[in-house]
């Protein structure tokens, strides 16, 4: 599958999303930026094809998505699965968290990301 990173058509939207982070994204970004997690560099609002990822670590090909309540709706669940399948075909693993998880259990979210990051950086 051809990887189309930094699709120019999504650049304006990426800029807007970086400027207007949700509260959950902002909170998680404070923990991911500046290589605070296992020395890994995460990027925010990174595009792969037509999709914009909330957070992405290119070194271990890990995407982190934060979902609000609208992602529980049937259409959104289907769209998220199509998106996840596309990213998997690009050899990118996606882990998802609800916004409420970030607010109520940030330590647990960071632990889960750290586990996944460790598994990806040390493949068996």
PDB file of N, CA and C in Angstrom:
ATOM      1  N   UNK A   1       0.840  -1.179   0.000  1.00  0.00           N
ATOM      2  CA  UNK A   1       0.000   0.000   0.000  1.00  0.00           C
ATOM      3  C   UNK A   1       0.883   1.239   0.000  1.00  0.00           C
ATOM      4  N   UNK A   2       0.542   2.180  -0.805  1.00  0.00           N
ATOM      5  CA  UNK A   2       1.284   3.432  -0.885  1.00  0.00           C
ATOM      6  C   UNK A   2       0.959   4.306   0.321  1.00  0.00           C
ATOM      7  N   UNK A   3       1.994   4.756   1.017  1.00  0.00           N
ATOM      8  CA  UNK A   3       1.806   5.673   2.135  1.00  0.00           C
ATOM      9  C   UNK A   3       1.809   7.095   1.609  1.00  0.00           C
ATOM     10  N   UNK A   4       0.814   7.856   1.973  1.00  0.00           N
ATOM     11  CA  UNK A   4       0.730   9.241   1.555  1.00  0.00           C
ATOM     12  C   UNK A   4       0.747  10.101   2.803  1.00  0.00           C
ATOM     13  N   UNK A   5       1.951  10.385   3.280  1.00  0.00           N
ATOM     14  CA  UNK A   5       2.083  11.215   4.467  1.00  0.00           C
ATOM     15  C   UNK A   5       2.037  12.682   4.073  1.00  0.00           C
ATOM     16  N   UNK A   6       1.581  13.494   4.984  1.00  0.00           N
ATOM     17  CA  UNK A   6       1.498  14.934   4.804  1.00  0.00           C
ATOM     18  C   UNK A   6       0.790  15.298   3.506  1.00  0.00           C
ATOM     19  N   UNK A   7      -0.370  14.742   3.324  1.00  0.00           N
ATOM     20  CA  UNK A   7      -1.220  15.079   2.186  1.00  0.00           C
ATOM     21  C   UNK A   7      -1.511  16.583   2.241  1.00  0.00           C
ATOM     22  N   UNK A   8      -1.095  17.293   1.211  1.00  0.00           N
ATOM     23  CA  UNK A   8      -1.211  18.748   1.209  1.00  0.00           C
ATOM     24  C   UNK A   8      -2.653  19.235   1.364  1.00  0.00           C
ATOM     25  N   UNK A   9      -3.597  18.450   0.938  1.00  0.00           N
ATOM     26  CA  UNK A   9      -4.994  18.890   1.026  1.00  0.00           C
ATOM     27  C   UNK A   9      -5.487  18.974   2.474  1.00  0.00           C
ATOM     28  N   UNK A  10      -4.829  18.286   3.393  1.00  0.00           N
ATOM     29  CA  UNK A  10      -5.270  18.320   4.791  1.00  0.00           C
ATOM     30  C   UNK A  10      -4.449  19.288   5.650  1.00  0.00           C
ATOM     31  N   UNK A  11      -3.451  19.944   5.060  1.00  0.00           N
ATOM     32  CA  UNK A  11      -2.608  20.849   5.845  1.00  0.00           C
ATOM     33  C   UNK A  11      -3.383  21.947   6.563  1.00  0.00           C
ATOM     34  N   UNK A  12      -4.306  22.646   5.912  1.00  0.00           N
ATOM     35  CA  UNK A  12      -5.041  23.689   6.641  1.00  0.00           C
ATOM     36  C   UNK A  12      -5.811  23.132   7.846  1.00  0.00           C
ATOM     37  N   UNK A  13      -6.399  21.966   7.673  1.00  0.00           N
ATOM     38  CA  UNK A  13      -7.139  21.362   8.780  1.00  0.00           C
ATOM     39  C   UNK A  13      -6.192  20.928   9.897  1.00  0.00           C
ATOM     40  N   UNK A  14      -5.028  20.401   9.548  1.00  0.00           N
ATOM     41  CA  UNK A  14      -4.036  20.022  10.560  1.00  0.00           C
ATOM     42  C   UNK A  14      -3.638  21.236  11.386  1.00  0.00           C
ATOM     43  N   UNK A  15      -3.373  22.342  10.710  1.00  0.00           N
ATOM     44  CA  UNK A  15      -2.986  23.563  11.427  1.00  0.00           C
ATOM     45  C   UNK A  15      -4.088  24.004  12.391  1.00  0.00           C
ATOM     46  N   UNK A  16      -5.325  23.962  11.917  1.00  0.00           N
ATOM     47  CA  UNK A  16      -6.448  24.368  12.759  1.00  0.00           C
ATOM     48  C   UNK A  16      -6.576  23.445  13.970  1.00  0.00           C
ATOM     49  N   UNK A  17      -6.451  22.146  13.753  1.00  0.00           N
ATOM     50  CA  UNK A  17      -6.576  21.192  14.849  1.00  0.00           C
ATOM     51  C   UNK A  17      -5.437  21.351  15.867  1.00  0.00           C
ATOM     52  N   UNK A  18      -4.223  21.642  15.391  1.00  0.00           N
ATOM     53  CA  UNK A  18      -3.099  21.863  16.309  1.00  0.00           C
ATOM     54  C   UNK A  18      -3.344  23.106  17.162  1.00  0.00           C
ATOM     55  N   UNK A  19      -3.945  24.105  16.551  1.00  0.00           N
ATOM     56  CA  UNK A  19      -4.223  25.358  17.253  1.00  0.00           C
ATOM     57  C   UNK A  19      -5.369  25.190  18.259  1.00  0.00           C
ATOM     58  N   UNK A  20      -6.346  24.372  17.903  1.00  0.00           N
ATOM     59  CA  UNK A  20      -7.557  24.212  18.711  1.00  0.00           C
ATOM     60  C   UNK A  20      -7.655  22.828  19.348  1.00  0.00           C
ATOM     61  N   UNK A  21      -6.644  22.433  20.102  1.00  0.00           N
ATOM     62  CA  UNK A  21      -6.684  21.134  20.771  1.00  0.00           C
ATOM     63  C   UNK A  21      -7.869  21.067  21.726  1.00  0.00           C
ATOM     64  N   UNK A  22      -8.456  19.886  21.826  1.00  0.00           N
ATOM     65  CA  UNK A  22      -9.483  19.688  22.848  1.00  0.00           C
ATOM     66  C   UNK A  22      -8.792  19.684  24.211  1.00  0.00           C
ATOM     67  N   UNK A  23      -9.576  19.788  25.268  1.00  0.00           N
ATOM     68  CA  UNK A  23      -8.995  19.767  26.617  1.00  0.00           C
ATOM     69  C   UNK A  23      -8.273  18.448  26.875  1.00  0.00           C
ATOM     70  N   UNK A  24      -8.850  17.348  26.421  1.00  0.00           N
ATOM     71  CA  UNK A  24      -8.223  16.031  26.618  1.00  0.00           C
ATOM     72  C   UNK A  24      -6.912  15.940  25.833  1.00  0.00           C
ATOM     73  N   UNK A  25      -6.919  16.422  24.587  1.00  0.00           N
ATOM     74  CA  UNK A  25      -5.697  16.397  23.777  1.00  0.00           C
ATOM     75  C   UNK A  25      -4.615  17.255  24.420  1.00  0.00           C
ATOM     76  N   UNK A  26      -4.994  18.400  24.915  1.00  0.00           N
ATOM     77  CA  UNK A  26      -4.037  19.306  25.546  1.00  0.00           C
ATOM     78  C   UNK A  26      -3.407  18.662  26.779  1.00  0.00           C
ATOM     79  N   UNK A  27      -4.213  18.014  27.586  1.00  0.00           N
ATOM     80  CA  UNK A  27      -3.722  17.351  28.793  1.00  0.00           C
ATOM     81  C   UNK A  27      -2.760  16.219  28.447  1.00  0.00           C
ATOM     82  N   UNK A  28      -3.133  15.390  27.470  1.00  0.00           N
ATOM     83  CA  UNK A  28      -2.258  14.288  27.077  1.00  0.00           C
ATOM     84  C   UNK A  28      -0.983  14.811  26.419  1.00  0.00           C
ATOM     85  N   UNK A  29      -1.103  15.857  25.613  1.00  0.00           N
ATOM     86  CA  UNK A  29       0.058  16.426  24.938  1.00  0.00           C
ATOM     87  C   UNK A  29       1.105  16.902  25.954  1.00  0.00           C
ATOM     88  N   UNK A  30       0.653  17.428  27.091  1.00  0.00           N
ATOM     89  CA  UNK A  30       1.584  17.877  28.136  1.00  0.00           C
ATOM     90  C   UNK A  30       2.448  16.722  28.636  1.00  0.00           C
ATOM     91  N   UNK A  31       1.941  15.501  28.519  1.00  0.00           N
ATOM     92  CA  UNK A  31       2.678  14.315  28.979  1.00  0.00           C
ATOM     93  C   UNK A  31       3.501  13.649  27.870  1.00  0.00           C
ATOM     94  N   UNK A  32       3.127  13.897  26.609  1.00  0.00           N
ATOM     95  CA  UNK A  32       3.808  13.235  25.486  1.00  0.00           C
ATOM     96  C   UNK A  32       4.908  14.093  24.852  1.00  0.00           C
ATOM     97  N   UNK A  33       4.747  15.394  24.908  1.00  0.00           N
ATOM     98  CA  UNK A  33       5.684  16.277  24.198  1.00  0.00           C
ATOM     99  C   UNK A  33       7.068  16.236  24.826  1.00  0.00           C
ATOM    100  N   UNK A  34       8.029  16.695  24.046  1.00  0.00           N
ATOM    101  CA  UNK A  34       9.425  16.812  24.488  1.00  0.00           C
ATOM    102  C   UNK A  34      10.020  15.487  24.959  1.00  0.00           C
ATOM    103  N   UNK A  35       9.630  14.410  24.290  1.00  0.00           N
ATOM    104  CA  UNK A  35      10.209  13.083  24.530  1.00  0.00           C
ATOM    105  C   UNK A  35      10.107  12.633  25.988  1.00  0.00           C
ATOM    106  N   UNK A  36       9.009  12.982  26.638  1.00  0.00           N
ATOM    107  CA  UNK A  36       8.837  12.632  28.049  1.00  0.00           C
ATOM    108  C   UNK A  36       8.522  11.148  28.260  1.00  0.00           C
ATOM    109  N   UNK A  37       8.034  10.485  27.236  1.00  0.00           N
ATOM    110  CA  UNK A  37       7.666   9.076  27.378  1.00  0.00           C
ATOM    111  C   UNK A  37       8.719   8.211  26.702  1.00  0.00           C
ATOM    112  N   UNK A  38       9.522   7.553  27.466  1.00  0.00           N
ATOM    113  CA  UNK A  38      10.556   6.627  26.968  1.00  0.00           C
ATOM    114  C   UNK A  38      11.478   7.270  25.938  1.00  0.00           C
ATOM    115  N   UNK A  39      11.630   8.590  25.974  1.00  0.00           N
ATOM    116  CA  UNK A  39      12.491   9.284  25.019  1.00  0.00           C
ATOM    117  C   UNK A  39      11.954   9.295  23.597  1.00  0.00           C
ATOM    118  N   UNK A  40      10.674   8.985  23.427  1.00  0.00           N
ATOM    119  CA  UNK A  40      10.065   8.915  22.102  1.00  0.00           C
ATOM    120  C   UNK A  40       9.460  10.264  21.712  1.00  0.00           C
ATOM    121  N   UNK A  41       9.636  10.634  20.455  1.00  0.00           N
ATOM    122  CA  UNK A  41       9.087  11.886  19.945  1.00  0.00           C
ATOM    123  C   UNK A  41       7.700  11.640  19.363  1.00  0.00           C
ATOM    124  N   UNK A  42       6.722  12.284  19.947  1.00  0.00           N
ATOM    125  CA  UNK A  42       5.357  12.224  19.438  1.00  0.00           C
ATOM    126  C   UNK A  42       5.051  13.523  18.711  1.00  0.00           C
ATOM    127  N   UNK A  43       4.282  13.409  17.651  1.00  0.00           N
ATOM    128  CA  UNK A  43       3.811  14.558  16.885  1.00  0.00           C
ATOM    129  C   UNK A  43       2.312  14.655  17.085  1.00  0.00           C
ATOM    130  N   UNK A  44       1.779  15.855  17.025  1.00  0.00           N
ATOM    131  CA  UNK A  44       0.331  15.990  17.162  1.00  0.00           C
ATOM    132  C   UNK A  44      -0.267  16.426  15.836  1.00  0.00           C
ATOM    133  N   UNK A  45      -1.458  15.937  15.586  1.00  0.00           N
ATOM    134  CA  UNK A  45      -2.198  16.256  14.366  1.00  0.00           C
ATOM    135  C   UNK A  45      -1.351  15.960  13.122  1.00  0.00           C
ATOM    136  N   UNK A  46      -0.886  14.741  13.036  1.00  0.00           N
ATOM    137  CA  UNK A  46      -0.041  14.261  11.940  1.00  0.00           C
ATOM    138  C   UNK A  46      -0.935  13.560  10.923  1.00  0.00           C
ATOM    139  N   UNK A  47      -0.692  13.807   9.645  1.00  0.00           N
ATOM    140  CA  UNK A  47      -1.564  13.194   8.642  1.00  0.00           C
ATOM    141  C   UNK A  47      -0.915  11.983   7.989  1.00  0.00           C
ATOM    142  N   UNK A  48      -1.749  10.999   7.757  1.00  0.00           N
ATOM    143  CA  UNK A  48      -1.400   9.806   6.990  1.00  0.00           C
ATOM    144  C   UNK A  48      -2.534   9.640   5.996  1.00  0.00           C
ATOM    145  N   UNK A  49      -2.213   9.827   4.718  1.00  0.00           N
ATOM    146  CA  UNK A  49      -3.266   9.834   3.714  1.00  0.00           C
ATOM    147  C   UNK A  49      -4.215  10.970   4.011  1.00  0.00           C
ATOM    148  N   UNK A  50      -5.492  10.681   3.978  1.00  0.00           N
ATOM    149  CA  UNK A  50      -6.480  11.728   4.245  1.00  0.00           C
ATOM    150  C   UNK A  50      -6.839  11.830   5.719  1.00  0.00           C
ATOM    151  N   UNK A  51      -6.234  10.993   6.540  1.00  0.00           N
ATOM    152  CA  UNK A  51      -6.567  10.964   7.954  1.00  0.00           C
ATOM    153  C   UNK A  51      -5.580  11.796   8.770  1.00  0.00           C
ATOM    154  N   UNK A  52      -6.105  12.457   9.788  1.00  0.00           N
ATOM    155  CA  UNK A  52      -5.270  13.231  10.698  1.00  0.00           C
ATOM    156  C   UNK A  52      -5.302  12.525  12.048  1.00  0.00           C
ATOM    157  N   UNK A  53      -4.118  12.130  12.500  1.00  0.00           N
ATOM    158  CA  UNK A  53      -3.983  11.403  13.761  1.00  0.00           C
ATOM    159  C   UNK A  53      -3.823  12.395  14.901  1.00  0.00           C
ATOM    160  N   UNK A  54      -4.441  12.116  16.031  1.00  0.00           N
ATOM    161  CA  UNK A  54      -4.285  13.014  17.177  1.00  0.00           C
ATOM    162  C   UNK A  54      -2.812  13.095  17.585  1.00  0.00           C
ATOM    163  N   UNK A  55      -2.188  11.939  17.784  1.00  0.00           N
ATOM    164  CA  UNK A  55      -0.772  11.864  18.148  1.00  0.00           C
ATOM    165  C   UNK A  55      -0.132  10.703  17.396  1.00  0.00           C
ATOM    166  N   UNK A  56       1.121  10.885  17.016  1.00  0.00           N
ATOM    167  CA  UNK A  56       1.809   9.841  16.251  1.00  0.00           C
ATOM    168  C   UNK A  56       3.285   9.833  16.611  1.00  0.00           C
ATOM    169  N   UNK A  57       3.814   8.637  16.813  1.00  0.00           N
ATOM    170  CA  UNK A  57       5.245   8.441  17.040  1.00  0.00           C
ATOM    171  C   UNK A  57       5.795   7.677  15.843  1.00  0.00           C
ATOM    172  N   UNK A  58       6.497   8.370  14.928  1.00  0.00           N
ATOM    173  CA  UNK A  58       6.991   7.698  13.730  1.00  0.00           C
ATOM    174  C   UNK A  58       8.029   6.612  14.019  1.00  0.00           C
ATOM    175  N   UNK A  59       8.794   6.778  15.069  1.00  0.00           N
ATOM    176  CA  UNK A  59       9.846   5.817  15.396  1.00  0.00           C
ATOM    177  C   UNK A  59       9.295   4.409  15.616  1.00  0.00           C
ATOM    178  N   UNK A  60       8.136   4.329  16.249  1.00  0.00           N
ATOM    179  CA  UNK A  60       7.549   3.015  16.530  1.00  0.00           C
ATOM    180  C   UNK A  60       6.215   2.812  15.818  1.00  0.00           C
ATOM    181  N   UNK A  61       5.865   3.768  14.949  1.00  0.00           N
ATOM    182  CA  UNK A  61       4.662   3.680  14.128  1.00  0.00           C
ATOM    183  C   UNK A  61       3.411   3.438  14.983  1.00  0.00           C
ATOM    184  N   UNK A  62       3.253   4.297  15.986  1.00  0.00           N
ATOM    185  CA  UNK A  62       2.148   4.198  16.928  1.00  0.00           C
ATOM    186  C   UNK A  62       1.307   5.467  16.873  1.00  0.00           C
ATOM    187  N   UNK A  63       0.013   5.300  16.647  1.00  0.00           N
ATOM    188  CA  UNK A  63      -0.936   6.400  16.664  1.00  0.00           C
ATOM    189  C   UNK A  63      -1.783   6.312  17.925  1.00  0.00           C
ATOM    190  N   UNK A  64      -2.046   7.459  18.515  1.00  0.00           N
ATOM    191  CA  UNK A  64      -2.916   7.534  19.687  1.00  0.00           C
ATOM    192  C   UNK A  64      -4.092   8.423  19.316  1.00  0.00           C
ATOM    193  N   UNK A  65      -5.282   7.899  19.488  1.00  0.00           N
ATOM    194  CA  UNK A  65      -6.501   8.627  19.167  1.00  0.00           C
ATOM    195  C   UNK A  65      -7.316   8.822  20.436  1.00  0.00           C
ATOM    196  N   UNK A  66      -7.809  10.036  20.629  1.00  0.00           N
ATOM    197  CA  UNK A  66      -8.710  10.341  21.736  1.00  0.00           C
ATOM    198  C   UNK A  66     -10.100  10.535  21.175  1.00  0.00           C
ATOM    199  N   UNK A  67     -11.049   9.868  21.781  1.00  0.00           N
ATOM    200  CA  UNK A  67     -12.415   9.871  21.267  1.00  0.00           C
ATOM    201  C   UNK A  67     -13.392  10.472  22.261  1.00  0.00           C
ATOM    202  N   UNK A  68     -14.246  11.351  21.757  1.00  0.00           N
ATOM    203  CA  UNK A  68     -15.358  11.880  22.536  1.00  0.00           C
ATOM    204  C   UNK A  68     -16.567  10.988  22.356  1.00  0.00           C
ATOM    205  N   UNK A  69     -17.660  11.354  22.977  1.00  0.00           N
ATOM    206  CA  UNK A  69     -18.881  10.549  22.946  1.00  0.00           C
ATOM    207  C   UNK A  69     -19.418  10.277  21.562  1.00  0.00           C
ATOM    208  N   UNK A  70     -19.190  11.190  20.620  1.00  0.00           N
ATOM    209  CA  UNK A  70     -19.699  10.994  19.255  1.00  0.00           C
ATOM    210  C   UNK A  70     -19.101   9.752  18.601  1.00  0.00           C
ATOM    211  N   UNK A  71     -17.968   9.274  19.084  1.00  0.00           N
ATOM    212  CA  UNK A  71     -17.338   8.085  18.498  1.00  0.00           C
ATOM    213  C   UNK A  71     -18.063   6.795  18.885  1.00  0.00           C
ATOM    214  N   UNK A  72     -19.026   6.881  19.789  1.00  0.00           N
ATOM    215  CA  UNK A  72     -19.810   5.700  20.162  1.00  0.00           C
ATOM    216  C   UNK A  72     -20.983   5.476  19.214  1.00  0.00           C
ATOM    217  N   UNK A  73     -21.299   6.461  18.382  1.00  0.00           N
ATOM    218  CA  UNK A  73     -22.403   6.336  17.443  1.00  0.00           C
ATOM    219  C   UNK A  73     -22.031   5.368  16.321  1.00  0.00           C
ATOM    220  N   UNK A  74     -23.013   4.660  15.799  1.00  0.00           N
ATOM    221  CA  UNK A  74     -22.783   3.601  14.809  1.00  0.00           C
ATOM    222  C   UNK A  74     -21.948   4.059  13.622  1.00  0.00           C
ATOM    223  N   UNK A  75     -22.304   5.184  13.022  1.00  0.00           N
ATOM    224  CA  UNK A  75     -21.553   5.671  11.865  1.00  0.00           C
ATOM    225  C   UNK A  75     -20.105   5.962  12.220  1.00  0.00           C
ATOM    226  N   UNK A  76     -19.877   6.533  13.382  1.00  0.00           N
ATOM    227  CA  UNK A  76     -18.518   6.867  13.804  1.00  0.00           C
ATOM    228  C   UNK A  76     -17.707   5.603  14.078  1.00  0.00           C
ATOM    229  N   UNK A  77     -18.339   4.603  14.673  1.00  0.00           N
ATOM    230  CA  UNK A  77     -17.647   3.336  14.937  1.00  0.00           C
ATOM    231  C   UNK A  77     -17.190   2.714  13.620  1.00  0.00           C
ATOM    232  N   UNK A  78     -18.060   2.729  12.625  1.00  0.00           N
ATOM    233  CA  UNK A  78     -17.709   2.180  11.315  1.00  0.00           C
ATOM    234  C   UNK A  78     -16.580   2.986  10.667  1.00  0.00           C
ATOM    235  N   UNK A  79     -16.677   4.299  10.729  1.00  0.00           N
ATOM    236  CA  UNK A  79     -15.637   5.161  10.160  1.00  0.00           C
ATOM    237  C   UNK A  79     -14.297   4.930  10.866  1.00  0.00           C
ATOM    238  N   UNK A  80     -14.328   4.825  12.201  1.00  0.00           N
ATOM    239  CA  UNK A  80     -13.098   4.590  12.954  1.00  0.00           C
ATOM    240  C   UNK A  80     -12.465   3.252  12.567  1.00  0.00           C
ATOM    241  N   UNK A  81     -13.308   2.238  12.302  1.00  0.00           N
ATOM    242  CA  UNK A  81     -12.764   0.932  11.915  1.00  0.00           C
ATOM    243  C   UNK A  81     -12.116   1.005  10.529  1.00  0.00           C
ATOM    244  N   UNK A  82     -12.731   1.696   9.599  1.00  0.00           N
ATOM    245  CA  UNK A  82     -12.150   1.870   8.261  1.00  0.00           C
ATOM    246  C   UNK A  82     -10.806   2.589   8.383  1.00  0.00           C
ATOM    247  N   UNK A  83     -10.780   3.603   9.186  1.00  0.00           N
ATOM    248  CA  UNK A  83      -9.559   4.377   9.421  1.00  0.00           C
ATOM    249  C   UNK A  83      -8.463   3.503  10.046  1.00  0.00           C
ATOM    250  N   UNK A  84      -8.832   2.738  11.063  1.00  0.00           N
ATOM    251  CA  UNK A  84      -7.876   1.853  11.726  1.00  0.00           C
ATOM    252  C   UNK A  84      -7.343   0.800  10.757  1.00  0.00           C
ATOM    253  N   UNK A  85      -8.209   0.255   9.918  1.00  0.00           N
ATOM    254  CA  UNK A  85      -7.780  -0.728   8.918  1.00  0.00           C
ATOM    255  C   UNK A  85      -6.805  -0.103   7.924  1.00  0.00           C
ATOM    256  N   UNK A  86      -7.087   1.113   7.486  1.00  0.00           N
ATOM    257  CA  UNK A  86      -6.186   1.816   6.564  1.00  0.00           C
ATOM    258  C   UNK A  86      -4.817   2.009   7.215  1.00  0.00           C
ATOM    259  N   UNK A  87      -4.818   2.464   8.449  1.00  0.00           N
ATOM    260  CA  UNK A  87      -3.551   2.699   9.151  1.00  0.00           C
ATOM    261  C   UNK A  87      -2.797   1.392   9.380  1.00  0.00           C
ATOM    262  N   UNK A  88      -3.520   0.327   9.688  1.00  0.00           N
ATOM    263  CA  UNK A  88      -2.874  -0.978   9.860  1.00  0.00           C
ATOM    264  C   UNK A  88      -2.204  -1.417   8.561  1.00  0.00           C
ATOM    265  N   UNK A  89      -2.845  -1.137   7.430  1.00  0.00           N
ATOM    266  CA  UNK A  89      -2.250  -1.467   6.133  1.00  0.00           C
ATOM    267  C   UNK A  89      -0.991  -0.646   5.881  1.00  0.00           C
ATOM    268  N   UNK A  90      -0.870   0.487   6.558  1.00  0.00           N
ATOM    269  CA  UNK A  90       0.340   1.324   6.485  1.00  0.00           C
ATOM    270  C   UNK A  90       1.336   0.941   7.577  1.00  0.00           C
ATOM    271  N   UNK A  91       1.069  -0.164   8.267  1.00  0.00           N
ATOM    272  CA  UNK A  91       1.911  -0.659   9.360  1.00  0.00           C
ATOM    273  C   UNK A  91       1.956   0.318  10.534  1.00  0.00           C
ATOM    274  N   UNK A  92       0.802   0.923  10.832  1.00  0.00           N
ATOM    275  CA  UNK A  92       0.680   1.825  11.971  1.00  0.00           C
ATOM    276  C   UNK A  92      -0.346   1.231  12.927  1.00  0.00           C
ATOM    277  N   UNK A  93       0.060   1.053  14.161  1.00  0.00           N
ATOM    278  CA  UNK A  93      -0.830   0.535  15.206  1.00  0.00           C
ATOM    279  C   UNK A  93      -1.555   1.710  15.838  1.00  0.00           C
ATOM    280  N   UNK A  94      -2.841   1.544  16.078  1.00  0.00           N
ATOM    281  CA  UNK A  94      -3.667   2.591  16.674  1.00  0.00           C
ATOM    282  C   UNK A  94      -4.159   2.128  18.042  1.00  0.00           C
ATOM    283  N   UNK A  95      -3.981   2.979  19.036  1.00  0.00           N
ATOM    284  CA  UNK A  95      -4.626   2.726  20.324  1.00  0.00           C
ATOM    285  C   UNK A  95      -5.544   3.917  20.599  1.00  0.00           C
ATOM    286  N   UNK A  96      -6.699   3.602  21.177  1.00  0.00           N
ATOM    287  CA  UNK A  96      -7.729   4.613  21.401  1.00  0.00           C
ATOM    288  C   UNK A  96      -8.067   4.711  22.876  1.00  0.00           C
ATOM    289  N   UNK A  97      -8.369   5.930  23.265  1.00  0.00           N
ATOM    290  CA  UNK A  97      -8.828   6.208  24.617  1.00  0.00           C
ATOM    291  C   UNK A  97     -10.017   7.151  24.531  1.00  0.00           C
ATOM    292  N   UNK A  98     -10.928   7.010  25.454  1.00  0.00           N
ATOM    293  CA  UNK A  98     -12.006   7.974  25.585  1.00  0.00           C
ATOM    294  C   UNK A  98     -11.438   9.222  26.251  1.00  0.00           C
ATOM    295  N   UNK A  99     -11.987  10.365  25.890  1.00  0.00           N
ATOM    296  CA  UNK A  99     -11.576  11.609  26.540  1.00  0.00           C
ATOM    297  C   UNK A  99     -11.700  11.490  28.054  1.00  0.00           C
ATOM    298  N   UNK A 100     -12.766  10.864  28.512  1.00  0.00           N
ATOM    299  CA  UNK A 100     -12.984  10.709  29.958  1.00  0.00           C
ATOM    300  C   UNK A 100     -11.862   9.925  30.620  1.00  0.00           C
ATOM    301  N   UNK A 101     -11.258   8.976  29.901  1.00  0.00           N
ATOM    302  CA  UNK A 101     -10.116   8.233  30.453  1.00  0.00           C
ATOM    303  C   UNK A 101      -8.951   9.168  30.742  1.00  0.00           C
ATOM    304  N   UNK A 102      -8.715  10.100  29.839  1.00  0.00           N
ATOM    305  CA  UNK A 102      -7.620  11.053  30.017  1.00  0.00           C
ATOM    306  C   UNK A 102      -7.875  11.909  31.254  1.00  0.00           C
ATOM    307  N   UNK A 103      -9.113  12.368  31.427  1.00  0.00           N
ATOM    308  CA  UNK A 103      -9.445  13.226  32.567  1.00  0.00           C
ATOM    309  C   UNK A 103      -9.470  12.463  33.889  1.00  0.00           C
ATOM    310  N   UNK A 104      -9.973  11.244  33.865  1.00  0.00           N
ATOM    311  CA  UNK A 104     -10.189  10.497  35.100  1.00  0.00           C
ATOM    312  C   UNK A 104      -9.053   9.562  35.472  1.00  0.00           C
ATOM    313  N   UNK A 105      -8.218   9.169  34.482  1.00  0.00           N
ATOM    314  CA  UNK A 105      -7.169   8.193  34.761  1.00  0.00           C
ATOM    315  C   UNK A 105      -5.958   8.437  33.855  1.00  0.00           C
ATOM    316  N   UNK A 106      -5.417   9.639  33.899  1.00  0.00           N
ATOM    317  CA  UNK A 106      -4.285   9.984  33.042  1.00  0.00           C
ATOM    318  C   UNK A 106      -3.090   9.069  33.296  1.00  0.00           C
ATOM    319  N   UNK A 107      -2.857   8.724  34.547  1.00  0.00           N
ATOM    320  CA  UNK A 107      -1.742   7.829  34.874  1.00  0.00           C
ATOM    321  C   UNK A 107      -1.922   6.471  34.193  1.00  0.00           C
ATOM    322  N   UNK A 108      -3.137   5.943  34.208  1.00  0.00           N
ATOM    323  CA  UNK A 108      -3.416   4.665  33.554  1.00  0.00           C
ATOM    324  C   UNK A 108      -3.258   4.755  32.039  1.00  0.00           C
ATOM    325  N   UNK A 109      -3.684   5.885  31.456  1.00  0.00           N
ATOM    326  CA  UNK A 109      -3.523   6.098  30.015  1.00  0.00           C
ATOM    327  C   UNK A 109      -2.038   6.119  29.663  1.00  0.00           C
ATOM    328  N   UNK A 110      -1.255   6.851  30.443  1.00  0.00           N
ATOM    329  CA  UNK A 110       0.188   6.931  30.182  1.00  0.00           C
ATOM    330  C   UNK A 110       0.859   5.564  30.352  1.00  0.00           C
ATOM    331  N   UNK A 111       0.408   4.810  31.330  1.00  0.00           N
ATOM    332  CA  UNK A 111       0.953   3.464  31.539  1.00  0.00           C
ATOM    333  C   UNK A 111       0.663   2.583  30.325  1.00  0.00           C
ATOM    334  N   UNK A 112      -0.561   2.640  29.820  1.00  0.00           N
ATOM    335  CA  UNK A 112      -0.942   1.833  28.642  1.00  0.00           C
ATOM    336  C   UNK A 112      -0.147   2.245  27.409  1.00  0.00           C
ATOM    337  N   UNK A 113       0.027   3.553  27.206  1.00  0.00           N
ATOM    338  CA  UNK A 113       0.826   4.029  26.072  1.00  0.00           C
ATOM    339  C   UNK A 113       2.267   3.556  26.235  1.00  0.00           C
ATOM    340  N   UNK A 114       2.791   3.653  27.450  1.00  0.00           N
ATOM    341  CA  UNK A 114       4.160   3.192  27.714  1.00  0.00           C
ATOM    342  C   UNK A 114       4.332   1.714  27.441  1.00  0.00           C
ATOM    343  N   UNK A 115       3.341   0.915  27.813  1.00  0.00           N
ATOM    344  CA  UNK A 115       3.390  -0.528  27.528  1.00  0.00           C
ATOM    345  C   UNK A 115       3.423  -0.774  26.031  1.00  0.00           C
ATOM    346  N   UNK A 116       2.547  -0.094  25.302  1.00  0.00           N
ATOM    347  CA  UNK A 116       2.497  -0.265  23.851  1.00  0.00           C
ATOM    348  C   UNK A 116       3.783   0.225  23.201  1.00  0.00           C
ATOM    349  N   UNK A 117       4.298   1.342  23.687  1.00  0.00           N
ATOM    350  CA  UNK A 117       5.543   1.886  23.147  1.00  0.00           C
ATOM    351  C   UNK A 117       6.709   0.928  23.391  1.00  0.00           C
ATOM    352  N   UNK A 118       6.726   0.325  24.573  1.00  0.00           N
ATOM    353  CA  UNK A 118       7.773  -0.648  24.879  1.00  0.00           C
ATOM    354  C   UNK A 118       7.672  -1.883  24.007  1.00  0.00           C
ATOM    355  N   UNK A 119       6.446  -2.334  23.768  1.00  0.00           N
ATOM    356  CA  UNK A 119       6.223  -3.522  22.924  1.00  0.00           C
ATOM    357  C   UNK A 119       6.637  -3.229  21.482  1.00  0.00           C
ATOM    358  N   UNK A 120       6.360  -2.011  21.012  1.00  0.00           N
ATOM    359  CA  UNK A 120       6.687  -1.654  19.622  1.00  0.00           C
ATOM    360  C   UNK A 120       8.176  -1.409  19.448  1.00  0.00           C
ATOM    361  N   UNK A 121       8.842  -0.878  20.472  1.00  0.00           N
ATOM    362  CA  UNK A 121      10.258  -0.565  20.310  1.00  0.00           C
ATOM    363  C   UNK A 121      11.149  -1.778  20.552  1.00  0.00           C
ATOM    364  N   UNK A 122      10.592  -2.823  21.168  1.00  0.00           N
ATOM    365  CA  UNK A 122      11.326  -4.059  21.403  1.00  0.00           C
ATOM    366  C   UNK A 122      10.550  -5.237  20.838  1.00  0.00           C
ATOM    367  N   UNK A 123      10.443  -5.341  19.505  1.00  0.00           N
ATOM    368  CA  UNK A 123       9.640  -6.430  18.926  1.00  0.00           C
ATOM    369  C   UNK A 123      10.231  -7.798  19.244  1.00  0.00           C
ATOM    370  N   UNK A 124       9.338  -8.784  19.433  1.00  0.00           N
ATOM    371  CA  UNK A 124       9.793 -10.142  19.744  1.00  0.00           C
ATOM    372  C   UNK A 124      10.147 -10.891  18.499  1.00  0.00           C
TER     373      UNK A 124
END
